[in-house]
Amino acid sequence: MNIDEARRIIAEAFKDWVDTERVAESVRLPADDPGEWAPKSLLIVSKESGIPDRFYYPNAWPKWEKAEEGLSALLGKKVYFEDVNAAVSALYVA
């Protein structure tokens, strides 16, 4: 996966919530995840940077859906985010 392109897509989806620099710090490949939360996922998103959690901020759902749509287009297959916990989400192939 092109991590820079993935970060761009996620930053665009959440541009009203968090700046691009914070997204870059928060989005990583599973091999680069110090917590090893979801080693079989495609991507890890740490929500401690300000990216909103869907549970606590239900109005963030459309932002997560926009990110999923953009990442699905990038990868050429349907993907979805799954919350690992309140601080981490992981991207998987549907």
Protein backbone atom coordinates (compact mmCIF):
# COMPACT_ATOMS: atom_id res chain seq x y z
CA MET A 1 0.00 0.00 0.00
CA ASN A 2 1.20 3.49 -0.79
CA ILE A 3 1.24 4.95 2.73
CA ASP A 4 1.58 8.54 1.54
CA GLU A 5 -1.47 8.23 -0.69
CA ALA A 6 -3.41 6.53 2.12
CA ARG A 7 -2.51 9.39 4.47
CA ARG A 8 -3.63 11.92 1.86
CA ILE A 9 -7.01 10.21 1.50
CA ILE A 10 -7.53 10.03 5.25
CA ALA A 11 -6.40 13.64 5.74
CA GLU A 12 -8.89 14.76 3.10
CA ALA A 13 -11.71 12.85 4.78
CA PHE A 14 -10.94 14.34 8.21
CA LYS A 15 -9.77 17.79 7.15
CA ASP A 16 -12.42 19.45 9.34
CA TRP A 17 -11.21 17.53 12.42
CA VAL A 18 -7.44 17.25 12.29
CA ASP A 19 -4.57 18.70 10.27
CA THR A 20 -2.53 16.78 7.72
CA GLU A 21 0.58 16.64 9.90
CA ARG A 22 -1.32 14.88 12.69
CA VAL A 23 -2.74 12.38 10.20
CA ALA A 24 0.77 11.60 8.97
CA GLU A 25 1.77 10.80 12.57
CA SER A 26 -1.32 8.66 13.15
CA VAL A 27 -1.53 6.48 10.04
CA ARG A 28 1.00 3.67 9.68
CA LEU A 29 1.52 0.28 8.18
CA PRO A 30 1.09 -2.67 10.57
CA ALA A 31 4.81 -3.46 10.40
CA ASP A 32 5.49 0.05 11.78
CA ASP A 33 2.91 -0.11 14.58
CA PRO A 34 4.69 -0.17 17.93
CA GLY A 35 1.57 -1.52 19.65
CA GLU A 36 1.22 -4.40 17.19
CA TRP A 37 -2.55 -3.97 17.43
CA ALA A 38 -3.56 -5.51 14.11
CA PRO A 39 -0.64 -7.18 12.34
CA LYS A 40 -2.86 -8.72 9.64
CA SER A 41 -4.53 -5.44 8.70
CA LEU A 42 -3.64 -3.21 5.77
CA LEU A 43 -3.31 -0.01 7.79
CA ILE A 44 -3.40 1.23 11.40
CA VAL A 45 -4.95 4.54 12.50
CA SER A 46 -4.17 5.86 15.95
CA LYS A 47 -7.06 8.04 17.06
CA GLU A 48 -5.18 9.63 19.96
CA SER A 49 -3.97 12.31 17.54
CA GLY A 50 -7.39 13.87 17.16
CA ILE A 51 -8.95 11.66 14.50
CA PRO A 52 -12.42 11.13 15.98
CA ASP A 53 -13.65 7.79 17.22
CA ARG A 54 -17.00 6.75 15.72
CA PHE A 55 -18.37 5.58 19.06
CA TYR A 56 -17.82 8.87 20.88
CA TYR A 57 -18.44 11.09 17.85
CA PRO A 58 -21.26 9.53 15.81
CA ASN A 59 -21.23 12.49 13.40
CA ALA A 60 -17.75 11.29 12.36
CA TRP A 61 -19.25 8.22 10.58
CA PRO A 62 -19.46 10.01 7.21
CA LYS A 63 -15.76 10.92 7.50
CA TRP A 64 -14.81 7.28 8.13
CA GLU A 65 -17.01 6.21 5.21
CA LYS A 66 -15.34 8.78 2.93
CA ALA A 67 -11.93 7.43 3.95
CA GLU A 68 -13.08 3.85 3.28
CA GLU A 69 -14.38 4.84 -0.16
CA GLY A 70 -11.15 6.60 -1.08
CA LEU A 71 -8.98 3.74 0.15
CA SER A 72 -11.20 1.22 -1.65
CA ALA A 73 -10.66 3.17 -4.88
CA LEU A 74 -6.91 3.34 -4.25
CA LEU A 75 -6.65 -0.41 -3.66
CA GLY A 76 -9.22 -1.50 -6.23
CA LYS A 77 -11.14 -3.54 -3.64
CA LYS A 78 -13.66 -2.87 -0.90
CA VAL A 79 -12.08 -2.13 2.47
CA TYR A 80 -13.43 -1.18 5.87
CA PHE A 81 -12.17 0.15 9.19
CA GLU A 82 -12.64 -1.90 12.32
CA ASP A 83 -12.14 -0.40 15.76
CA VAL A 84 -9.53 -2.38 17.66
CA ASN A 85 -10.19 -0.26 20.75
CA ALA A 86 -11.08 3.36 21.52
CA ALA A 87 -7.64 4.54 20.40
CA VAL A 88 -6.90 2.37 17.36
CA SER A 89 -8.69 1.43 14.13
CA ALA A 90 -7.43 -1.01 11.51
CA LEU A 91 -8.20 -1.28 7.81
CA TYR A 92 -9.14 -4.67 6.33
CA VAL A 93 -10.32 -6.05 2.99
CA ALA A 94 -14.08 -6.62 3.09
